[in-house]
Amino acid sequence: MFDANDVEVIPLGEACGAEIRGVDLKKDLSDAVIAKIQQAWNEHLVLCVRGQDLTQEDQLRFAARFGPLGARKQAPQPLRDRAEGVWQLDPKILLVSNIKVDGIPVGAFGDGDMWFHIDSGYSERPYKYTFLYGVELPNEGGNTLFSNMYKAYDALPEDLKRKLAGRKALHIHEYKRSEKVDLSTDISAVPHWFHPVFITHPYTHKKVLFVDRLMTARLEGFSNEESDEILARLYEIGESREFIYEHKWQHGDLIMWDNLALIHARTDFPRDQRRLMRRCTVDGTPVHENLEQV
């Protein structure tokens, strides 16, 4: 069994990110090793474990050491073809892939770039953690960008913090990759939820800017025009290059990130190259601006 003293934590960038060395995720890990990984996670927000040869069962077993596994969100029937795939047989696994079999997608969200977003931010209980494993990778592109939303909150002007204190934002998802939902239509059948613009992270107790370009559609209590202007400003700050770690995938990478403290995005890649990523999650809880609201 691996010892916690064997675990190395190598920072990957100033904004966030660290590589974990000295572990084989196919093996049983001691509580002390898991605690050291958790400590590094709280500090660096996104962790990379390279050179792993993981089955689906290996990935789920490791992820479960950090909390109850989350279920893949089911899209409403009219949107089902955007999120389902013929290889997605386990309810706790989402396959992100552009691969098709007989013209039918094996997974979801396969081609092109993808705007910054929070996994399941449109639900009452956004996922706590996300784990993504690279099964097949293109020769170029398909990088994952992570932006530190603790730093984004700290960078907001004080007048904007005061203006948005206590406000909520509509998070909504139509299962697209780089396109806003049209709010002029009936959205009752589209998954959505209102969350505070600022949350207190339930585990670190730090303040987070909790909005993203893909799924945050409108601010409550403002005109449409003012809402759009403020959100554009928040996106600009949240996507500042100084807050971003860009991960260039290698075969055998497992990436794990704090879904409440980060937003993430994907860069484009050649459409004629296969990409297959296997995702699982740990369930979260409702988020609040202040923990006294819990």
C-alpha atoms as a PDB file:
ATOM      1  CA  MET A   1       0.000   0.000   0.000  1.00  0.00           C
ATOM      2  CA  PHE A   2       1.268   3.480  -0.841  1.00  0.00           C
ATOM      3  CA  ASP A   3       2.476   5.696   1.987  1.00  0.00           C
ATOM      4  CA  ALA A   4       1.548   9.375   2.244  1.00  0.00           C
ATOM      5  CA  ASN A   5       5.270  10.214   2.301  1.00  0.00           C
ATOM      6  CA  ASP A   6       5.523   8.806  -1.247  1.00  0.00           C
ATOM      7  CA  VAL A   7       3.028  11.358  -2.576  1.00  0.00           C
ATOM      8  CA  GLU A   8       4.540  14.377  -4.321  1.00  0.00           C
ATOM      9  CA  VAL A   9       2.590  17.534  -5.139  1.00  0.00           C
ATOM     10  CA  ILE A  10       4.052  19.504  -8.072  1.00  0.00           C
ATOM     11  CA  PRO A  11       2.384  22.880  -8.818  1.00  0.00           C
ATOM     12  CA  LEU A  12       1.462  23.344 -12.474  1.00  0.00           C
ATOM     13  CA  GLY A  13       0.676  27.043 -12.558  1.00  0.00           C
ATOM     14  CA  GLU A  14       0.269  30.174 -10.487  1.00  0.00           C
ATOM     15  CA  ALA A  15      -3.516  30.342 -10.899  1.00  0.00           C
ATOM     16  CA  CYS A  16      -4.319  26.761  -9.921  1.00  0.00           C
ATOM     17  CA  GLY A  17      -3.337  23.191 -10.742  1.00  0.00           C
ATOM     18  CA  ALA A  18      -0.923  20.572  -9.410  1.00  0.00           C
ATOM     19  CA  GLU A  19       0.348  17.172 -10.455  1.00  0.00           C
ATOM     20  CA  ILE A  20       0.162  14.289  -7.996  1.00  0.00           C
ATOM     21  CA  ARG A  21       3.037  11.815  -8.228  1.00  0.00           C
ATOM     22  CA  GLY A  22       3.765   8.594  -6.357  1.00  0.00           C
ATOM     23  CA  VAL A  23       0.348   6.910  -6.599  1.00  0.00           C
ATOM     24  CA  ASP A  24      -1.202   4.154  -8.712  1.00  0.00           C
ATOM     25  CA  LEU A  25      -4.956   4.710  -8.772  1.00  0.00           C
ATOM     26  CA  LYS A  26      -5.621   1.064  -9.605  1.00  0.00           C
ATOM     27  CA  LYS A  27      -4.390   0.175  -6.108  1.00  0.00           C
ATOM     28  CA  ASP A  28      -6.107   0.614  -2.760  1.00  0.00           C
ATOM     29  CA  LEU A  29      -4.965   3.892  -1.244  1.00  0.00           C
ATOM     30  CA  SER A  30      -4.691   4.435   2.497  1.00  0.00           C
ATOM     31  CA  ASP A  31      -6.750   7.057   4.292  1.00  0.00           C
ATOM     32  CA  ALA A  32      -3.521   9.000   4.852  1.00  0.00           C
ATOM     33  CA  VAL A  33      -2.813   9.129   1.096  1.00  0.00           C
ATOM     34  CA  ILE A  34      -6.393  10.233   0.363  1.00  0.00           C
ATOM     35  CA  ALA A  35      -6.090  12.924   3.045  1.00  0.00           C
ATOM     36  CA  LYS A  36      -2.872  14.233   1.464  1.00  0.00           C
ATOM     37  CA  ILE A  37      -4.528  14.330  -1.969  1.00  0.00           C
ATOM     38  CA  GLN A  38      -7.512  16.158  -0.453  1.00  0.00           C
ATOM     39  CA  GLN A  39      -5.211  18.701   1.184  1.00  0.00           C
ATOM     40  CA  ALA A  40      -3.493  19.336  -2.149  1.00  0.00           C
ATOM     41  CA  TRP A  41      -6.887  19.572  -3.840  1.00  0.00           C
ATOM     42  CA  ASN A  42      -8.117  22.239  -1.434  1.00  0.00           C
ATOM     43  CA  GLU A  43      -4.977  24.265  -2.157  1.00  0.00           C
ATOM     44  CA  HIS A  44      -4.621  23.798  -5.925  1.00  0.00           C
ATOM     45  CA  LEU A  45      -8.273  23.169  -6.971  1.00  0.00           C
ATOM     46  CA  VAL A  46      -7.399  20.978  -9.969  1.00  0.00           C
ATOM     47  CA  LEU A  47      -5.139  17.930  -9.781  1.00  0.00           C
ATOM     48  CA  CYS A  48      -3.558  15.799 -12.496  1.00  0.00           C
ATOM     49  CA  VAL A  49      -2.440  12.200 -11.978  1.00  0.00           C
ATOM     50  CA  ARG A  50      -0.478  11.073 -15.030  1.00  0.00           C
ATOM     51  CA  GLY A  51       0.362   7.655 -16.441  1.00  0.00           C
ATOM     52  CA  GLN A  52      -2.745   5.887 -15.167  1.00  0.00           C
ATOM     53  CA  ASP A  53      -4.277   2.825 -16.868  1.00  0.00           C
ATOM     54  CA  LEU A  54      -7.796   2.982 -15.450  1.00  0.00           C
ATOM     55  CA  THR A  55     -10.873   0.929 -16.112  1.00  0.00           C
ATOM     56  CA  GLN A  56     -14.252   2.494 -15.502  1.00  0.00           C
ATOM     57  CA  GLU A  57     -14.466   0.577 -12.218  1.00  0.00           C
ATOM     58  CA  ASP A  58     -11.040   1.867 -11.131  1.00  0.00           C
ATOM     59  CA  GLN A  59     -12.106   5.445 -11.787  1.00  0.00           C
ATOM     60  CA  LEU A  60     -15.400   5.093  -9.918  1.00  0.00           C
ATOM     61  CA  ARG A  61     -13.731   3.383  -6.949  1.00  0.00           C
ATOM     62  CA  PHE A  62     -11.160   6.161  -6.602  1.00  0.00           C
ATOM     63  CA  ALA A  63     -13.724   8.945  -6.987  1.00  0.00           C
ATOM     64  CA  ALA A  64     -15.935   7.374  -4.316  1.00  0.00           C
ATOM     65  CA  ARG A  65     -13.184   7.920  -1.751  1.00  0.00           C
ATOM     66  CA  PHE A  66     -14.131  11.630  -1.843  1.00  0.00           C
ATOM     67  CA  GLY A  67     -17.904  11.339  -1.400  1.00  0.00           C
ATOM     68  CA  PRO A  68     -21.096   9.807  -2.808  1.00  0.00           C
ATOM     69  CA  LEU A  69     -20.905   9.396  -6.571  1.00  0.00           C
ATOM     70  CA  GLY A  70     -23.171  11.630  -8.629  1.00  0.00           C
ATOM     71  CA  ALA A  71     -25.569  10.421 -11.291  1.00  0.00           C
ATOM     72  CA  ARG A  72     -25.386  11.633 -14.891  1.00  0.00           C
ATOM     73  CA  LYS A  73     -28.031  14.316 -15.429  1.00  0.00           C
ATOM     74  CA  GLN A  74     -30.796  13.175 -17.769  1.00  0.00           C
ATOM     75  CA  ALA A  75     -31.736  15.716 -20.394  1.00  0.00           C
ATOM     76  CA  PRO A  76     -35.446  16.327 -21.042  1.00  0.00           C
ATOM     77  CA  GLN A  77     -36.775  14.175 -23.862  1.00  0.00           C
ATOM     78  CA  PRO A  78     -36.694  16.910 -26.567  1.00  0.00           C
ATOM     79  CA  LEU A  79     -32.980  17.483 -25.785  1.00  0.00           C
ATOM     80  CA  ARG A  80     -32.045  13.859 -25.122  1.00  0.00           C
ATOM     81  CA  ASP A  81     -30.135  13.318 -28.360  1.00  0.00           C
ATOM     82  CA  ARG A  82     -27.637  16.039 -27.342  1.00  0.00           C
ATOM     83  CA  ALA A  83     -26.587  14.311 -24.125  1.00  0.00           C
ATOM     84  CA  GLU A  84     -26.996  10.550 -24.573  1.00  0.00           C
ATOM     85  CA  GLY A  85     -24.785   8.019 -26.329  1.00  0.00           C
ATOM     86  CA  VAL A  86     -24.891   4.316 -27.082  1.00  0.00           C
ATOM     87  CA  TRP A  87     -21.817   3.578 -24.922  1.00  0.00           C
ATOM     88  CA  GLN A  88     -23.199   5.397 -21.856  1.00  0.00           C
ATOM     89  CA  LEU A  89     -24.481   2.394 -19.928  1.00  0.00           C
ATOM     90  CA  ASP A  90     -23.566   3.295 -16.349  1.00  0.00           C
ATOM     91  CA  PRO A  91     -25.714   6.062 -14.801  1.00  0.00           C
ATOM     92  CA  LYS A  92     -22.669   7.424 -12.972  1.00  0.00           C
ATOM     93  CA  ILE A  93     -20.588   7.815 -16.149  1.00  0.00           C
ATOM     94  CA  LEU A  94     -20.743  10.508 -18.841  1.00  0.00           C
ATOM     95  CA  LEU A  95     -18.733   9.932 -22.008  1.00  0.00           C
ATOM     96  CA  VAL A  96     -17.552  13.099 -23.727  1.00  0.00           C
ATOM     97  CA  SER A  97     -16.775  12.033 -27.273  1.00  0.00           C
ATOM     98  CA  ASN A  98     -17.039  12.788 -30.972  1.00  0.00           C
ATOM     99  CA  ILE A  99     -16.947   9.083 -31.884  1.00  0.00           C
ATOM    100  CA  LYS A 100     -19.933   7.624 -33.691  1.00  0.00           C
ATOM    101  CA  VAL A 101     -20.957   4.025 -34.371  1.00  0.00           C
ATOM    102  CA  ASP A 102     -23.119   3.561 -37.462  1.00  0.00           C
ATOM    103  CA  GLY A 103     -23.723   7.313 -37.382  1.00  0.00           C
ATOM    104  CA  ILE A 104     -24.898   7.301 -33.751  1.00  0.00           C
ATOM    105  CA  PRO A 105     -22.866   9.160 -31.065  1.00  0.00           C
ATOM    106  CA  VAL A 106     -21.296   7.000 -28.377  1.00  0.00           C
ATOM    107  CA  GLY A 107     -21.343   9.920 -25.918  1.00  0.00           C
ATOM    108  CA  ALA A 108     -22.109  13.633 -25.741  1.00  0.00           C
ATOM    109  CA  PHE A 109     -20.663  17.137 -26.323  1.00  0.00           C
ATOM    110  CA  GLY A 110     -18.176  15.712 -28.773  1.00  0.00           C
ATOM    111  CA  ASP A 111     -16.956  18.256 -31.328  1.00  0.00           C
ATOM    112  CA  GLY A 112     -15.479  21.734 -31.215  1.00  0.00           C
ATOM    113  CA  ASP A 113     -14.712  24.113 -28.421  1.00  0.00           C
ATOM    114  CA  MET A 114     -16.871  24.499 -25.325  1.00  0.00           C
ATOM    115  CA  TRP A 115     -17.491  27.703 -23.379  1.00  0.00           C
ATOM    116  CA  PHE A 116     -16.592  28.072 -19.725  1.00  0.00           C
ATOM    117  CA  HIS A 117     -19.137  26.371 -17.486  1.00  0.00           C
ATOM    118  CA  ILE A 118     -19.835  24.734 -14.124  1.00  0.00           C
ATOM    119  CA  ASP A 119     -20.804  21.062 -14.292  1.00  0.00           C
ATOM    120  CA  SER A 120     -24.527  20.778 -13.449  1.00  0.00           C
ATOM    121  CA  GLY A 121     -24.597  24.447 -12.415  1.00  0.00           C
ATOM    122  CA  TYR A 122     -28.156  24.528 -13.727  1.00  0.00           C
ATOM    123  CA  SER A 123     -29.328  22.110 -10.987  1.00  0.00           C
ATOM    124  CA  GLU A 124     -30.205  22.674  -7.350  1.00  0.00           C
ATOM    125  CA  ARG A 125     -27.167  20.648  -6.213  1.00  0.00           C
ATOM    126  CA  PRO A 126     -24.176  21.270  -8.482  1.00  0.00           C
ATOM    127  CA  TYR A 127     -21.576  18.524  -8.379  1.00  0.00           C
ATOM    128  CA  LYS A 128     -18.903  18.881  -5.706  1.00  0.00           C
ATOM    129  CA  TYR A 129     -16.073  17.290  -7.706  1.00  0.00           C
ATOM    130  CA  THR A 130     -15.482  16.135 -11.271  1.00  0.00           C
ATOM    131  CA  PHE A 131     -13.072  13.409 -12.446  1.00  0.00           C
ATOM    132  CA  LEU A 132     -12.149  13.189 -16.150  1.00  0.00           C
ATOM    133  CA  TYR A 133     -10.017  10.456 -17.707  1.00  0.00           C
ATOM    134  CA  GLY A 134      -8.563  10.586 -21.208  1.00  0.00           C
ATOM    135  CA  VAL A 135      -9.328   7.323 -23.037  1.00  0.00           C
ATOM    136  CA  GLU A 136      -8.613   8.532 -26.603  1.00  0.00           C
ATOM    137  CA  LEU A 137      -7.031  11.881 -27.417  1.00  0.00           C
ATOM    138  CA  PRO A 138      -6.555  13.931 -30.603  1.00  0.00           C
ATOM    139  CA  ASN A 139      -3.023  14.766 -31.708  1.00  0.00           C
ATOM    140  CA  GLU A 140      -3.639  18.444 -31.018  1.00  0.00           C
ATOM    141  CA  GLY A 141      -6.199  20.658 -29.289  1.00  0.00           C
ATOM    142  CA  GLY A 142      -8.965  19.581 -26.970  1.00  0.00           C
ATOM    143  CA  ASN A 143      -7.177  21.240 -24.047  1.00  0.00           C
ATOM    144  CA  THR A 144      -9.123  21.907 -20.849  1.00  0.00           C
ATOM    145  CA  LEU A 145      -8.949  25.378 -19.308  1.00  0.00           C
ATOM    146  CA  PHE A 146      -9.646  25.930 -15.616  1.00  0.00           C
ATOM    147  CA  SER A 147     -10.248  29.380 -14.122  1.00  0.00           C
ATOM    148  CA  ASN A 148      -9.904  30.058 -10.405  1.00  0.00           C
ATOM    149  CA  MET A 149     -13.105  31.728  -9.243  1.00  0.00           C
ATOM    150  CA  TYR A 150     -11.718  32.546  -5.803  1.00  0.00           C
ATOM    151  CA  LYS A 151      -9.265  34.834  -7.557  1.00  0.00           C
ATOM    152  CA  ALA A 152     -12.029  36.155  -9.818  1.00  0.00           C
ATOM    153  CA  TYR A 153     -14.138  37.126  -6.788  1.00  0.00           C
ATOM    154  CA  ASP A 154     -11.169  38.826  -5.120  1.00  0.00           C
ATOM    155  CA  ALA A 155     -10.504  40.809  -8.321  1.00  0.00           C
ATOM    156  CA  LEU A 156     -14.025  42.285  -8.506  1.00  0.00           C
ATOM    157  CA  PRO A 157     -14.310  46.015  -7.773  1.00  0.00           C
ATOM    158  CA  GLU A 158     -15.821  46.678  -4.370  1.00  0.00           C
ATOM    159  CA  ASP A 159     -18.721  48.647  -5.853  1.00  0.00           C
ATOM    160  CA  LEU A 160     -19.663  45.663  -8.008  1.00  0.00           C
ATOM    161  CA  LYS A 161     -19.479  43.336  -5.002  1.00  0.00           C
ATOM    162  CA  ARG A 162     -21.856  45.639  -3.121  1.00  0.00           C
ATOM    163  CA  LYS A 163     -24.198  45.898  -6.107  1.00  0.00           C
ATOM    164  CA  LEU A 164     -24.466  42.135  -6.527  1.00  0.00           C
ATOM    165  CA  ALA A 165     -24.515  41.116  -2.867  1.00  0.00           C
ATOM    166  CA  GLY A 166     -27.651  39.093  -2.202  1.00  0.00           C
ATOM    167  CA  ARG A 167     -28.487  38.790  -5.918  1.00  0.00           C
ATOM    168  CA  LYS A 168     -29.177  35.559  -7.758  1.00  0.00           C
ATOM    169  CA  ALA A 169     -28.548  34.481 -11.328  1.00  0.00           C
ATOM    170  CA  LEU A 170     -30.411  32.113 -13.620  1.00  0.00           C
ATOM    171  CA  HIS A 171     -28.349  29.086 -14.664  1.00  0.00           C
ATOM    172  CA  ILE A 172     -29.896  27.188 -17.564  1.00  0.00           C
ATOM    173  CA  HIS A 173     -28.684  24.446 -19.893  1.00  0.00           C
ATOM    174  CA  GLU A 174     -29.970  23.456 -23.299  1.00  0.00           C
ATOM    175  CA  TYR A 175     -27.186  20.888 -23.779  1.00  0.00           C
ATOM    176  CA  LYS A 176     -25.220  23.006 -26.235  1.00  0.00           C
ATOM    177  CA  ARG A 177     -21.482  23.706 -26.162  1.00  0.00           C
ATOM    178  CA  SER A 178     -21.065  27.337 -27.190  1.00  0.00           C
ATOM    179  CA  GLU A 179     -24.462  28.970 -27.450  1.00  0.00           C
ATOM    180  CA  LYS A 180     -26.755  30.779 -25.031  1.00  0.00           C
ATOM    181  CA  VAL A 181     -30.320  29.681 -24.372  1.00  0.00           C
ATOM    182  CA  ASP A 182     -32.920  31.912 -26.021  1.00  0.00           C
ATOM    183  CA  LEU A 183     -34.807  33.313 -23.032  1.00  0.00           C
ATOM    184  CA  SER A 184     -37.544  34.748 -25.242  1.00  0.00           C
ATOM    185  CA  THR A 185     -38.961  31.240 -25.614  1.00  0.00           C
ATOM    186  CA  ASP A 186     -40.639  29.002 -23.049  1.00  0.00           C
ATOM    187  CA  ILE A 187     -37.868  27.666 -20.799  1.00  0.00           C
ATOM    188  CA  SER A 188     -40.077  25.660 -18.449  1.00  0.00           C
ATOM    189  CA  ALA A 189     -38.892  22.365 -19.966  1.00  0.00           C
ATOM    190  CA  VAL A 190     -35.220  23.362 -19.975  1.00  0.00           C
ATOM    191  CA  PRO A 191     -33.225  22.473 -16.813  1.00  0.00           C
ATOM    192  CA  HIS A 192     -32.560  25.632 -14.793  1.00  0.00           C
ATOM    193  CA  TRP A 193     -31.975  26.985 -11.283  1.00  0.00           C
ATOM    194  CA  PHE A 194     -31.291  30.309  -9.575  1.00  0.00           C
ATOM    195  CA  HIS A 195     -28.045  30.451  -7.567  1.00  0.00           C
ATOM    196  CA  PRO A 196     -26.405  33.341  -5.696  1.00  0.00           C
ATOM    197  CA  VAL A 197     -23.960  35.331  -7.825  1.00  0.00           C
ATOM    198  CA  PHE A 198     -21.493  34.943  -4.962  1.00  0.00           C
ATOM    199  CA  ILE A 199     -21.354  31.765  -2.913  1.00  0.00           C
ATOM    200  CA  THR A 200     -19.378  30.741   0.124  1.00  0.00           C
ATOM    201  CA  HIS A 201     -17.648  27.494  -0.745  1.00  0.00           C
ATOM    202  CA  PRO A 202     -19.226  24.894   1.578  1.00  0.00           C
ATOM    203  CA  TYR A 203     -15.925  23.122   2.276  1.00  0.00           C
ATOM    204  CA  THR A 204     -13.241  25.850   2.251  1.00  0.00           C
ATOM    205  CA  HIS A 205     -15.525  28.718   3.384  1.00  0.00           C
ATOM    206  CA  LYS A 206     -13.981  31.065   0.795  1.00  0.00           C
ATOM    207  CA  LYS A 207     -16.010  33.422  -1.413  1.00  0.00           C
ATOM    208  CA  VAL A 208     -16.521  32.372  -5.034  1.00  0.00           C
ATOM    209  CA  LEU A 209     -17.807  34.179  -8.126  1.00  0.00           C
ATOM    210  CA  PHE A 210     -20.426  31.630  -9.224  1.00  0.00           C
ATOM    211  CA  VAL A 211     -21.298  32.479 -12.830  1.00  0.00           C
ATOM    212  CA  ASP A 212     -20.196  31.119 -16.205  1.00  0.00           C
ATOM    213  CA  ARG A 213     -20.572  32.121 -19.840  1.00  0.00           C
ATOM    214  CA  LEU A 214     -22.348  28.984 -21.089  1.00  0.00           C
ATOM    215  CA  MET A 215     -25.089  28.533 -18.508  1.00  0.00           C
ATOM    216  CA  THR A 216     -25.550  31.800 -16.564  1.00  0.00           C
ATOM    217  CA  ALA A 217     -28.208  33.590 -18.577  1.00  0.00           C
ATOM    218  CA  ARG A 218     -29.692  36.439 -16.536  1.00  0.00           C
ATOM    219  CA  LEU A 219     -29.331  38.345 -13.254  1.00  0.00           C
ATOM    220  CA  GLU A 220     -32.397  38.566 -11.053  1.00  0.00           C
ATOM    221  CA  GLY A 221     -33.618  42.071 -10.276  1.00  0.00           C
ATOM    222  CA  PHE A 222     -32.038  43.909 -13.220  1.00  0.00           C
ATOM    223  CA  SER A 223     -33.304  44.927 -16.630  1.00  0.00           C
ATOM    224  CA  ASN A 224     -32.256  42.649 -19.471  1.00  0.00           C
ATOM    225  CA  GLU A 225     -29.871  45.287 -20.772  1.00  0.00           C
ATOM    226  CA  GLU A 226     -28.198  45.924 -17.404  1.00  0.00           C
ATOM    227  CA  SER A 227     -28.077  42.195 -16.671  1.00  0.00           C
ATOM    228  CA  ASP A 228     -26.277  41.564 -19.970  1.00  0.00           C
ATOM    229  CA  GLU A 229     -23.804  44.364 -19.300  1.00  0.00           C
ATOM    230  CA  ILE A 230     -22.970  43.149 -15.797  1.00  0.00           C
ATOM    231  CA  LEU A 231     -22.675  39.509 -16.853  1.00  0.00           C
ATOM    232  CA  ALA A 232     -20.345  40.441 -19.701  1.00  0.00           C
ATOM    233  CA  ARG A 233     -18.132  42.187 -17.154  1.00  0.00           C
ATOM    234  CA  LEU A 234     -18.226  39.182 -14.820  1.00  0.00           C
ATOM    235  CA  TYR A 235     -17.345  36.793 -17.651  1.00  0.00           C
ATOM    236  CA  GLU A 236     -14.426  38.984 -18.649  1.00  0.00           C
ATOM    237  CA  ILE A 237     -13.040  38.981 -15.128  1.00  0.00           C
ATOM    238  CA  GLY A 238     -13.744  35.272 -14.558  1.00  0.00           C
ATOM    239  CA  GLU A 239     -11.965  34.323 -17.779  1.00  0.00           C
ATOM    240  CA  SER A 240      -8.901  36.502 -17.188  1.00  0.00           C
ATOM    241  CA  ARG A 241      -5.829  34.671 -18.420  1.00  0.00           C
ATOM    242  CA  GLU A 242      -4.023  35.268 -15.133  1.00  0.00           C
ATOM    243  CA  PHE A 243      -6.593  33.084 -13.344  1.00  0.00           C
ATOM    244  CA  ILE A 244      -6.411  30.176 -15.827  1.00  0.00           C
ATOM    245  CA  TYR A 245      -4.483  26.907 -15.921  1.00  0.00           C
ATOM    246  CA  GLU A 246      -4.605  25.231 -19.350  1.00  0.00           C
ATOM    247  CA  HIS A 247      -4.196  21.472 -19.300  1.00  0.00           C
ATOM    248  CA  LYS A 248      -2.699  19.800 -22.357  1.00  0.00           C
ATOM    249  CA  TRP A 249      -3.774  16.180 -22.176  1.00  0.00           C
ATOM    250  CA  GLN A 250      -1.454  13.179 -22.247  1.00  0.00           C
ATOM    251  CA  HIS A 251      -2.513   9.548 -22.503  1.00  0.00           C
ATOM    252  CA  GLY A 252      -3.186   8.180 -19.031  1.00  0.00           C
ATOM    253  CA  ASP A 253      -4.131  11.511 -17.447  1.00  0.00           C
ATOM    254  CA  LEU A 254      -6.811  11.639 -14.777  1.00  0.00           C
ATOM    255  CA  ILE A 255      -7.872  15.220 -14.015  1.00  0.00           C
ATOM    256  CA  MET A 256      -9.919  15.963 -10.911  1.00  0.00           C
ATOM    257  CA  TRP A 257     -11.263  19.391 -10.049  1.00  0.00           C
ATOM    258  CA  ASP A 258     -13.289  21.345  -7.530  1.00  0.00           C
ATOM    259  CA  ASN A 259     -16.454  22.108  -9.483  1.00  0.00           C
ATOM    260  CA  LEU A 260     -17.610  24.824  -7.073  1.00  0.00           C
ATOM    261  CA  ALA A 261     -14.384  26.850  -7.123  1.00  0.00           C
ATOM    262  CA  LEU A 262     -13.553  26.608 -10.837  1.00  0.00           C
ATOM    263  CA  ILE A 263     -15.133  27.139 -14.216  1.00  0.00           C
ATOM    264  CA  HIS A 264     -13.749  25.110 -17.116  1.00  0.00           C
ATOM    265  CA  ALA A 265     -13.777  25.183 -20.902  1.00  0.00           C
ATOM    266  CA  ARG A 266     -12.452  23.229 -23.886  1.00  0.00           C
ATOM    267  CA  THR A 267     -10.392  24.334 -26.868  1.00  0.00           C
ATOM    268  CA  ASP A 268     -11.185  23.179 -30.395  1.00  0.00           C
ATOM    269  CA  PHE A 269      -9.534  20.160 -32.034  1.00  0.00           C
ATOM    270  CA  PRO A 270      -9.568  18.549 -35.500  1.00  0.00           C
ATOM    271  CA  ARG A 271     -12.960  17.039 -36.251  1.00  0.00           C
ATOM    272  CA  ASP A 272     -11.409  14.055 -38.047  1.00  0.00           C
ATOM    273  CA  GLN A 273      -9.549  12.961 -34.880  1.00  0.00           C
ATOM    274  CA  ARG A 274     -11.151  10.816 -32.186  1.00  0.00           C
ATOM    275  CA  ARG A 275     -11.567  12.081 -28.642  1.00  0.00           C
ATOM    276  CA  LEU A 276     -13.083  10.006 -25.835  1.00  0.00           C
ATOM    277  CA  MET A 277     -13.147  11.227 -22.243  1.00  0.00           C
ATOM    278  CA  ARG A 278     -14.769   9.394 -19.321  1.00  0.00           C
ATOM    279  CA  ARG A 279     -16.305  11.543 -16.592  1.00  0.00           C
ATOM    280  CA  CYS A 280     -17.666  10.786 -13.165  1.00  0.00           C
ATOM    281  CA  THR A 281     -18.598  13.102 -10.315  1.00  0.00           C
ATOM    282  CA  VAL A 282     -19.176  13.418  -6.576  1.00  0.00           C
ATOM    283  CA  ASP A 283     -22.525  14.769  -5.467  1.00  0.00           C
ATOM    284  CA  GLY A 284     -22.802  18.244  -4.022  1.00  0.00           C
ATOM    285  CA  THR A 285     -25.249  20.212  -1.909  1.00  0.00           C
ATOM    286  CA  PRO A 286     -27.258  23.402  -2.495  1.00  0.00           C
ATOM    287  CA  VAL A 287     -24.998  26.467  -2.562  1.00  0.00           C
ATOM    288  CA  HIS A 288     -25.522  29.645  -0.532  1.00  0.00           C
ATOM    289  CA  GLU A 289     -24.075  33.130  -0.357  1.00  0.00           C
ATOM    290  CA  ASN A 290     -23.560  32.765   3.371  1.00  0.00           C
ATOM    291  CA  LEU A 291     -23.166  29.514   5.283  1.00  0.00           C
ATOM    292  CA  GLU A 292     -25.577  30.837   7.917  1.00  0.00           C
ATOM    293  CA  GLN A 293     -28.295  30.188   5.323  1.00  0.00           C
ATOM    294  CA  VAL A 294     -27.663  26.432   5.420  1.00  0.00           C
END
